[in-house]
Amino acid sequence: MNKNDIVDIIFQTHTSGKERIIIFKIVASQLENEDISETLKEFVVFFSSHLPLHFKSEEILIDILKTIELPVNNINDISNLLTEHKSMEKELEELKIQVEKSDSALQEDSIQKMNKLIEQLFQHSKKEDQILFPLAQEKINGKLKEKLRSKIEHLHKNIS
């Protein structure tokens, strides 16, 4: 792994996000319902602030991959990853709205949504580990890697 390689940098943010998912999964499974409201808020705050940028970085990576001739199964796999991004972003937004209401009657539903989203994120990240990042490491090099770096840097400049 090269710490200056843009694909490796995106992979590292992916890995640190996955570690956070595992922590939330463990914490959520050990809390009683009355103790979980703060965990729900922390989950929503963390993933609302990190997931969109991370997904956007991966989407730029996928856009670069789409410029390369790939087998149909790879094209389908990365298209499915994009669909999952959109679905999880929508579910996170719904959970955020629900948690902001601080309605105790909705807490059980919020817990279920959080647990479902944790599991989806975990499974999704495993797919990316198996499909997206190995494919990117294999196929993206030279000028495409520089194009990817430029687009990622531009994304981060516009966020800051």
N, C-alpha and C. Protein backbone atom coordinates (compact mmCIF):
# COMPACT_ATOMS: atom_id res chain seq x y z
N MET A 1 0.84 -1.19 0.00
CA MET A 1 0.00 0.00 0.00
C MET A 1 0.88 1.24 0.00
N ASN A 2 0.55 2.14 -0.86
CA ASN A 2 1.30 3.38 -1.00
C ASN A 2 0.47 4.51 -0.39
N LYS A 3 1.02 5.16 0.64
CA LYS A 3 0.25 6.20 1.34
C LYS A 3 -0.06 7.41 0.47
N ASN A 4 0.64 7.55 -0.67
CA ASN A 4 0.37 8.67 -1.58
C ASN A 4 -0.51 8.27 -2.76
N ASP A 5 -0.83 7.00 -2.87
CA ASP A 5 -1.67 6.52 -3.96
C ASP A 5 -3.12 6.91 -3.69
N ILE A 6 -3.76 7.58 -4.63
CA ILE A 6 -5.11 8.09 -4.41
C ILE A 6 -6.12 6.98 -4.17
N VAL A 7 -5.99 5.85 -4.83
CA VAL A 7 -6.91 4.74 -4.59
C VAL A 7 -6.72 4.24 -3.16
N ASP A 8 -5.47 4.16 -2.71
CA ASP A 8 -5.20 3.73 -1.33
C ASP A 8 -5.75 4.73 -0.32
N ILE A 9 -5.68 6.01 -0.64
CA ILE A 9 -6.21 7.03 0.27
C ILE A 9 -7.72 6.87 0.40
N ILE A 10 -8.41 6.68 -0.70
CA ILE A 10 -9.87 6.47 -0.65
C ILE A 10 -10.17 5.19 0.13
N PHE A 11 -9.38 4.15 -0.10
CA PHE A 11 -9.57 2.88 0.61
C PHE A 11 -9.37 3.08 2.11
N GLN A 12 -8.40 3.88 2.51
CA GLN A 12 -8.17 4.12 3.94
C GLN A 12 -9.37 4.82 4.60
N THR A 13 -9.98 5.78 3.92
CA THR A 13 -11.17 6.42 4.49
C THR A 13 -12.32 5.42 4.57
N HIS A 14 -12.37 4.54 3.59
CA HIS A 14 -13.37 3.46 3.58
C HIS A 14 -13.15 2.55 4.79
N THR A 15 -11.91 2.19 5.04
CA THR A 15 -11.57 1.29 6.15
C THR A 15 -11.87 1.94 7.50
N SER A 16 -11.55 3.22 7.66
CA SER A 16 -11.83 3.87 8.94
C SER A 16 -13.34 4.01 9.15
N GLY A 17 -14.10 4.24 8.10
CA GLY A 17 -15.56 4.27 8.21
C GLY A 17 -16.11 2.92 8.59
N LYS A 18 -15.53 1.87 8.02
CA LYS A 18 -15.97 0.51 8.33
C LYS A 18 -15.70 0.19 9.81
N GLU A 19 -14.56 0.65 10.33
CA GLU A 19 -14.25 0.45 11.74
C GLU A 19 -15.31 1.13 12.62
N ARG A 20 -15.73 2.31 12.22
CA ARG A 20 -16.75 3.04 12.99
C ARG A 20 -18.08 2.29 12.94
N ILE A 21 -18.42 1.70 11.80
CA ILE A 21 -19.64 0.90 11.67
C ILE A 21 -19.61 -0.26 12.66
N ILE A 22 -18.48 -0.93 12.74
CA ILE A 22 -18.36 -2.06 13.67
C ILE A 22 -18.53 -1.59 15.11
N ILE A 23 -17.94 -0.46 15.45
CA ILE A 23 -18.09 0.08 16.81
C ILE A 23 -19.55 0.37 17.11
N PHE A 24 -20.25 1.03 16.18
CA PHE A 24 -21.67 1.32 16.39
C PHE A 24 -22.48 0.03 16.52
N LYS A 25 -22.13 -0.95 15.73
CA LYS A 25 -22.83 -2.24 15.78
C LYS A 25 -22.70 -2.88 17.16
N ILE A 26 -21.50 -2.86 17.72
CA ILE A 26 -21.25 -3.43 19.04
C ILE A 26 -21.97 -2.63 20.12
N VAL A 27 -21.82 -1.32 20.08
CA VAL A 27 -22.44 -0.46 21.09
C VAL A 27 -23.96 -0.59 21.05
N ALA A 28 -24.53 -0.53 19.86
CA ALA A 28 -26.00 -0.60 19.74
C ALA A 28 -26.54 -1.93 20.25
N SER A 29 -25.80 -3.00 20.06
CA SER A 29 -26.29 -4.32 20.49
C SER A 29 -26.24 -4.47 22.00
N GLN A 30 -25.47 -3.63 22.69
CA GLN A 30 -25.32 -3.78 24.14
C GLN A 30 -26.13 -2.77 24.95
N LEU A 31 -26.77 -1.84 24.29
CA LEU A 31 -27.53 -0.81 25.00
C LEU A 31 -28.98 -1.23 25.21
N GLU A 32 -29.50 -0.80 26.31
CA GLU A 32 -30.93 -0.94 26.56
C GLU A 32 -31.64 0.19 25.82
N ASN A 33 -32.92 0.01 25.52
CA ASN A 33 -33.66 1.02 24.76
C ASN A 33 -33.59 2.42 25.36
N GLU A 34 -33.65 2.51 26.70
CA GLU A 34 -33.66 3.84 27.31
C GLU A 34 -32.30 4.53 27.22
N ASP A 35 -31.24 3.79 26.94
CA ASP A 35 -29.91 4.37 26.86
C ASP A 35 -29.48 4.71 25.43
N ILE A 36 -30.30 4.44 24.47
CA ILE A 36 -29.81 4.48 23.08
C ILE A 36 -30.00 5.83 22.37
N SER A 37 -30.73 6.76 22.95
CA SER A 37 -31.00 8.01 22.23
C SER A 37 -29.72 8.76 21.89
N GLU A 38 -28.74 8.79 22.79
CA GLU A 38 -27.48 9.47 22.49
C GLU A 38 -26.70 8.74 21.40
N THR A 39 -26.75 7.41 21.42
CA THR A 39 -26.07 6.63 20.39
C THR A 39 -26.71 6.89 19.03
N LEU A 40 -28.03 6.98 19.00
CA LEU A 40 -28.72 7.30 17.75
C LEU A 40 -28.26 8.66 17.21
N LYS A 41 -28.18 9.64 18.10
CA LYS A 41 -27.76 10.98 17.69
C LYS A 41 -26.31 10.95 17.18
N GLU A 42 -25.43 10.26 17.91
CA GLU A 42 -24.02 10.17 17.49
C GLU A 42 -23.90 9.48 16.13
N PHE A 43 -24.67 8.42 15.95
CA PHE A 43 -24.67 7.70 14.69
C PHE A 43 -25.07 8.62 13.55
N VAL A 44 -26.18 9.33 13.73
CA VAL A 44 -26.69 10.23 12.69
C VAL A 44 -25.70 11.35 12.41
N VAL A 45 -25.15 11.96 13.46
CA VAL A 45 -24.20 13.06 13.27
C VAL A 45 -22.96 12.58 12.52
N PHE A 46 -22.39 11.46 12.97
CA PHE A 46 -21.18 10.96 12.32
C PHE A 46 -21.43 10.62 10.86
N PHE A 47 -22.44 9.80 10.59
CA PHE A 47 -22.64 9.35 9.22
C PHE A 47 -23.21 10.44 8.32
N SER A 48 -23.96 11.38 8.87
CA SER A 48 -24.45 12.50 8.05
C SER A 48 -23.30 13.40 7.62
N SER A 49 -22.28 13.49 8.45
CA SER A 49 -21.16 14.36 8.10
C SER A 49 -20.09 13.65 7.28
N HIS A 50 -19.98 12.34 7.37
CA HIS A 50 -18.92 11.62 6.67
C HIS A 50 -19.37 10.83 5.44
N LEU A 51 -20.55 10.27 5.49
CA LEU A 51 -20.98 9.38 4.42
C LEU A 51 -21.13 10.07 3.06
N PRO A 52 -21.77 11.23 2.98
CA PRO A 52 -21.93 11.85 1.65
C PRO A 52 -20.60 12.13 0.94
N LEU A 53 -19.62 12.64 1.67
CA LEU A 53 -18.32 12.92 1.06
C LEU A 53 -17.62 11.62 0.66
N HIS A 54 -17.69 10.63 1.52
CA HIS A 54 -17.07 9.35 1.21
C HIS A 54 -17.73 8.71 -0.01
N PHE A 55 -19.05 8.71 -0.04
CA PHE A 55 -19.76 8.15 -1.19
C PHE A 55 -19.41 8.92 -2.46
N LYS A 56 -19.32 10.24 -2.35
CA LYS A 56 -18.99 11.04 -3.53
C LYS A 56 -17.59 10.68 -4.04
N SER A 57 -16.64 10.47 -3.13
CA SER A 57 -15.29 10.05 -3.52
C SER A 57 -15.34 8.71 -4.25
N GLU A 58 -16.12 7.79 -3.71
CA GLU A 58 -16.25 6.48 -4.37
C GLU A 58 -16.95 6.60 -5.72
N GLU A 59 -17.91 7.50 -5.81
CA GLU A 59 -18.61 7.70 -7.08
C GLU A 59 -17.68 8.28 -8.14
N ILE A 60 -16.76 9.14 -7.73
CA ILE A 60 -15.75 9.65 -8.67
C ILE A 60 -14.86 8.50 -9.12
N LEU A 61 -14.47 7.66 -8.18
CA LEU A 61 -13.68 6.47 -8.51
C LEU A 61 -14.42 5.58 -9.51
N ILE A 62 -15.70 5.38 -9.27
CA ILE A 62 -16.53 4.55 -10.16
C ILE A 62 -16.66 5.21 -11.54
N ASP A 63 -16.84 6.53 -11.57
CA ASP A 63 -16.91 7.23 -12.85
C ASP A 63 -15.64 7.03 -13.67
N ILE A 64 -14.49 7.04 -13.00
CA ILE A 64 -13.22 6.79 -13.69
C ILE A 64 -13.20 5.35 -14.22
N LEU A 65 -13.64 4.40 -13.39
CA LEU A 65 -13.68 3.00 -13.82
C LEU A 65 -14.58 2.82 -15.04
N LYS A 66 -15.65 3.57 -15.10
CA LYS A 66 -16.59 3.45 -16.22
C LYS A 66 -15.98 3.90 -17.54
N THR A 67 -14.87 4.63 -17.49
CA THR A 67 -14.22 5.05 -18.74
C THR A 67 -13.33 3.96 -19.31
N ILE A 68 -13.17 2.89 -18.55
CA ILE A 68 -12.32 1.76 -18.94
C ILE A 68 -13.24 0.65 -19.44
N GLU A 69 -12.78 -0.07 -20.44
CA GLU A 69 -13.56 -1.22 -20.90
C GLU A 69 -13.49 -2.31 -19.83
N LEU A 70 -14.66 -2.64 -19.28
CA LEU A 70 -14.76 -3.64 -18.21
C LEU A 70 -15.71 -4.74 -18.62
N PRO A 71 -15.54 -5.93 -18.06
CA PRO A 71 -16.51 -7.00 -18.29
C PRO A 71 -17.89 -6.59 -17.75
N VAL A 72 -18.93 -7.12 -18.36
CA VAL A 72 -20.31 -6.77 -17.99
C VAL A 72 -20.56 -7.02 -16.50
N ASN A 73 -20.04 -8.12 -15.94
CA ASN A 73 -20.30 -8.39 -14.52
C ASN A 73 -19.69 -7.31 -13.64
N ASN A 74 -18.53 -6.76 -14.01
CA ASN A 74 -17.95 -5.66 -13.24
C ASN A 74 -18.79 -4.39 -13.35
N ILE A 75 -19.29 -4.12 -14.54
CA ILE A 75 -20.15 -2.94 -14.75
C ILE A 75 -21.42 -3.08 -13.90
N ASN A 76 -22.01 -4.24 -13.90
CA ASN A 76 -23.21 -4.48 -13.09
C ASN A 76 -22.91 -4.34 -11.60
N ASP A 77 -21.78 -4.89 -11.18
CA ASP A 77 -21.40 -4.80 -9.76
C ASP A 77 -21.24 -3.36 -9.31
N ILE A 78 -20.54 -2.55 -10.08
CA ILE A 78 -20.33 -1.17 -9.65
C ILE A 78 -21.61 -0.34 -9.78
N SER A 79 -22.47 -0.69 -10.71
CA SER A 79 -23.77 -0.02 -10.81
C SER A 79 -24.62 -0.33 -9.56
N ASN A 80 -24.55 -1.57 -9.11
CA ASN A 80 -25.27 -1.95 -7.89
C ASN A 80 -24.74 -1.20 -6.67
N LEU A 81 -23.43 -0.98 -6.61
CA LEU A 81 -22.86 -0.22 -5.50
C LEU A 81 -23.42 1.21 -5.48
N LEU A 82 -23.54 1.81 -6.66
CA LEU A 82 -24.10 3.17 -6.73
C LEU A 82 -25.56 3.20 -6.28
N THR A 83 -26.32 2.18 -6.67
CA THR A 83 -27.71 2.09 -6.25
C THR A 83 -27.80 1.96 -4.73
N GLU A 84 -26.90 1.17 -4.16
CA GLU A 84 -26.88 1.02 -2.71
C GLU A 84 -26.53 2.35 -2.03
N HIS A 85 -25.61 3.12 -2.61
CA HIS A 85 -25.28 4.44 -2.05
C HIS A 85 -26.54 5.29 -1.92
N LYS A 86 -27.28 5.37 -3.01
CA LYS A 86 -28.49 6.21 -3.02
C LYS A 86 -29.50 5.73 -1.98
N SER A 87 -29.68 4.44 -1.90
CA SER A 87 -30.63 3.86 -0.94
C SER A 87 -30.21 4.17 0.50
N MET A 88 -28.94 3.99 0.80
CA MET A 88 -28.47 4.24 2.17
C MET A 88 -28.50 5.72 2.52
N GLU A 89 -28.21 6.58 1.56
CA GLU A 89 -28.30 8.02 1.82
C GLU A 89 -29.74 8.40 2.16
N LYS A 90 -30.69 7.84 1.43
CA LYS A 90 -32.11 8.11 1.69
C LYS A 90 -32.50 7.60 3.08
N GLU A 91 -32.09 6.40 3.41
CA GLU A 91 -32.43 5.84 4.73
C GLU A 91 -31.79 6.63 5.86
N LEU A 92 -30.56 7.09 5.65
CA LEU A 92 -29.91 7.90 6.67
C LEU A 92 -30.66 9.22 6.86
N GLU A 93 -31.10 9.82 5.78
CA GLU A 93 -31.85 11.08 5.88
C GLU A 93 -33.16 10.87 6.63
N GLU A 94 -33.85 9.77 6.35
CA GLU A 94 -35.09 9.46 7.06
C GLU A 94 -34.83 9.25 8.55
N LEU A 95 -33.75 8.55 8.87
CA LEU A 95 -33.40 8.32 10.27
C LEU A 95 -33.04 9.64 10.95
N LYS A 96 -32.32 10.50 10.26
CA LYS A 96 -31.93 11.80 10.80
C LYS A 96 -33.17 12.62 11.17
N ILE A 97 -34.13 12.67 10.28
CA ILE A 97 -35.37 13.41 10.54
C ILE A 97 -36.08 12.84 11.75
N GLN A 98 -36.13 11.53 11.83
CA GLN A 98 -36.81 10.86 12.93
C GLN A 98 -36.10 11.12 14.27
N VAL A 99 -34.79 11.05 14.28
CA VAL A 99 -34.01 11.26 15.50
C VAL A 99 -34.12 12.72 15.95
N GLU A 100 -34.14 13.65 15.00
CA GLU A 100 -34.25 15.07 15.34
C GLU A 100 -35.58 15.39 16.02
N LYS A 101 -36.60 14.63 15.73
CA LYS A 101 -37.90 14.84 16.37
C LYS A 101 -37.87 14.48 17.85
N SER A 102 -36.92 13.64 18.26
CA SER A 102 -36.77 13.20 19.65
C SER A 102 -38.07 12.66 20.23
N ASP A 103 -38.83 11.98 19.41
CA ASP A 103 -40.10 11.40 19.84
C ASP A 103 -39.84 10.00 20.37
N SER A 104 -40.09 9.81 21.68
CA SER A 104 -39.81 8.52 22.29
C SER A 104 -40.67 7.40 21.68
N ALA A 105 -41.82 7.77 21.14
CA ALA A 105 -42.68 6.77 20.49
C ALA A 105 -42.02 6.22 19.23
N LEU A 106 -41.14 7.00 18.62
CA LEU A 106 -40.45 6.58 17.40
C LEU A 106 -39.10 5.93 17.68
N GLN A 107 -38.70 5.90 18.95
CA GLN A 107 -37.36 5.42 19.28
C GLN A 107 -37.13 3.97 18.85
N GLU A 108 -38.09 3.10 19.08
CA GLU A 108 -37.92 1.69 18.69
C GLU A 108 -37.74 1.57 17.18
N ASP A 109 -38.54 2.34 16.43
CA ASP A 109 -38.39 2.33 14.97
C ASP A 109 -37.03 2.89 14.58
N SER A 110 -36.57 3.93 15.25
CA SER A 110 -35.26 4.52 14.97
C SER A 110 -34.15 3.51 15.24
N ILE A 111 -34.27 2.76 16.31
CA ILE A 111 -33.27 1.74 16.63
C ILE A 111 -33.23 0.70 15.52
N GLN A 112 -34.40 0.27 15.08
CA GLN A 112 -34.45 -0.71 13.99
C GLN A 112 -33.83 -0.16 12.71
N LYS A 113 -34.13 1.11 12.41
CA LYS A 113 -33.56 1.73 11.22
C LYS A 113 -32.05 1.85 11.33
N MET A 114 -31.56 2.24 12.52
CA MET A 114 -30.13 2.35 12.71
C MET A 114 -29.46 0.99 12.53
N ASN A 115 -30.02 -0.04 13.16
CA ASN A 115 -29.44 -1.38 13.04
C ASN A 115 -29.46 -1.88 11.60
N LYS A 116 -30.55 -1.59 10.90
CA LYS A 116 -30.64 -1.99 9.49
C LYS A 116 -29.58 -1.26 8.67
N LEU A 117 -29.43 0.03 8.91
CA LEU A 117 -28.46 0.82 8.17
C LEU A 117 -27.03 0.37 8.50
N ILE A 118 -26.76 0.07 9.75
CA ILE A 118 -25.44 -0.44 10.14
C ILE A 118 -25.14 -1.72 9.36
N GLU A 119 -26.09 -2.62 9.30
CA GLU A 119 -25.89 -3.88 8.59
C GLU A 119 -25.71 -3.64 7.09
N GLN A 120 -26.50 -2.73 6.52
CA GLN A 120 -26.36 -2.42 5.10
C GLN A 120 -24.99 -1.83 4.80
N LEU A 121 -24.55 -0.90 5.64
CA LEU A 121 -23.24 -0.28 5.45
C LEU A 121 -22.13 -1.32 5.56
N PHE A 122 -22.27 -2.21 6.52
CA PHE A 122 -21.27 -3.25 6.73
C PHE A 122 -21.19 -4.18 5.52
N GLN A 123 -22.34 -4.65 5.05
CA GLN A 123 -22.37 -5.54 3.89
C GLN A 123 -21.88 -4.83 2.63
N HIS A 124 -22.28 -3.58 2.48
CA HIS A 124 -21.87 -2.78 1.33
C HIS A 124 -20.35 -2.60 1.33
N SER A 125 -19.78 -2.30 2.47
CA SER A 125 -18.34 -2.08 2.54
C SER A 125 -17.58 -3.37 2.22
N LYS A 126 -18.13 -4.51 2.60
CA LYS A 126 -17.50 -5.79 2.25
C LYS A 126 -17.50 -5.98 0.73
N LYS A 127 -18.60 -5.61 0.08
CA LYS A 127 -18.66 -5.72 -1.38
C LYS A 127 -17.61 -4.82 -2.03
N GLU A 128 -17.47 -3.62 -1.49
CA GLU A 128 -16.47 -2.71 -2.03
C GLU A 128 -15.06 -3.27 -1.84
N ASP A 129 -14.82 -3.90 -0.69
CA ASP A 129 -13.52 -4.54 -0.44
C ASP A 129 -13.24 -5.64 -1.45
N GLN A 130 -14.29 -6.35 -1.83
CA GLN A 130 -14.13 -7.50 -2.73
C GLN A 130 -14.14 -7.11 -4.21
N ILE A 131 -14.85 -6.02 -4.53
CA ILE A 131 -15.07 -5.68 -5.94
C ILE A 131 -14.41 -4.35 -6.32
N LEU A 132 -14.86 -3.28 -5.70
CA LEU A 132 -14.48 -1.93 -6.14
C LEU A 132 -12.99 -1.66 -6.01
N PHE A 133 -12.45 -1.84 -4.81
CA PHE A 133 -11.06 -1.45 -4.60
C PHE A 133 -10.05 -2.35 -5.32
N PRO A 134 -10.25 -3.67 -5.35
CA PRO A 134 -9.32 -4.47 -6.16
C PRO A 134 -9.38 -4.10 -7.66
N LEU A 135 -10.59 -3.83 -8.14
CA LEU A 135 -10.75 -3.44 -9.54
C LEU A 135 -10.05 -2.11 -9.81
N ALA A 136 -10.24 -1.16 -8.90
CA ALA A 136 -9.60 0.14 -9.05
C ALA A 136 -8.08 0.02 -9.01
N GLN A 137 -7.57 -0.79 -8.09
CA GLN A 137 -6.11 -0.98 -7.99
C GLN A 137 -5.56 -1.60 -9.28
N GLU A 138 -6.31 -2.51 -9.84
CA GLU A 138 -5.86 -3.19 -11.05
C GLU A 138 -5.96 -2.31 -12.30
N LYS A 139 -7.03 -1.57 -12.42
CA LYS A 139 -7.34 -0.88 -13.68
C LYS A 139 -6.95 0.59 -13.75
N ILE A 140 -6.90 1.26 -12.60
CA ILE A 140 -6.63 2.71 -12.63
C ILE A 140 -5.14 2.94 -12.43
N ASN A 141 -4.51 3.52 -13.45
CA ASN A 141 -3.09 3.84 -13.35
C ASN A 141 -2.77 5.03 -14.23
N GLY A 142 -1.56 5.50 -14.11
CA GLY A 142 -1.08 6.58 -14.96
C GLY A 142 -1.97 7.81 -14.98
N LYS A 143 -2.38 8.19 -16.18
CA LYS A 143 -3.17 9.41 -16.35
C LYS A 143 -4.53 9.32 -15.67
N LEU A 144 -5.11 8.13 -15.65
CA LEU A 144 -6.41 7.97 -14.97
C LEU A 144 -6.26 8.21 -13.47
N LYS A 145 -5.15 7.77 -12.91
CA LYS A 145 -4.91 7.98 -11.49
C LYS A 145 -4.74 9.48 -11.20
N GLU A 146 -4.06 10.18 -12.09
CA GLU A 146 -3.90 11.62 -11.92
C GLU A 146 -5.24 12.35 -12.07
N LYS A 147 -6.06 11.88 -13.00
CA LYS A 147 -7.40 12.45 -13.18
C LYS A 147 -8.23 12.23 -11.91
N LEU A 148 -8.15 11.03 -11.35
CA LEU A 148 -8.86 10.71 -10.10
C LEU A 148 -8.38 11.61 -8.98
N ARG A 149 -7.07 11.74 -8.82
CA ARG A 149 -6.52 12.60 -7.77
C ARG A 149 -7.02 14.03 -7.92
N SER A 150 -7.00 14.54 -9.14
CA SER A 150 -7.44 15.91 -9.40
C SER A 150 -8.91 16.10 -9.01
N LYS A 151 -9.75 15.14 -9.39
CA LYS A 151 -11.19 15.24 -9.07
C LYS A 151 -11.43 15.14 -7.57
N ILE A 152 -10.71 14.27 -6.89
CA ILE A 152 -10.86 14.13 -5.43
C ILE A 152 -10.39 15.40 -4.74
N GLU A 153 -9.26 15.94 -5.17
CA GLU A 153 -8.77 17.19 -4.58
C GLU A 153 -9.76 18.32 -4.79
N HIS A 154 -10.34 18.39 -5.99
CA HIS A 154 -11.35 19.41 -6.30
C HIS A 154 -12.57 19.25 -5.38
N LEU A 155 -13.01 18.02 -5.19
CA LEU A 155 -14.14 17.74 -4.30
C LEU A 155 -13.86 18.24 -2.90
N HIS A 156 -12.69 17.94 -2.39
CA HIS A 156 -12.35 18.33 -1.02
C HIS A 156 -12.15 19.84 -0.89
N LYS A 157 -11.65 20.50 -1.92
CA LYS A 157 -11.51 21.96 -1.89
C LYS A 157 -12.87 22.62 -1.82
N ASN A 158 -13.84 22.06 -2.54
CA ASN A 158 -15.19 22.64 -2.56
C ASN A 158 -15.94 22.38 -1.27
N ILE A 159 -15.54 21.39 -0.51
CA ILE A 159 -16.19 21.09 0.77
C ILE A 159 -15.63 21.97 1.87
N SER A 160 -14.32 22.22 1.82
CA SER A 160 -13.65 22.97 2.89
C SER A 160 -14.07 24.41 2.95
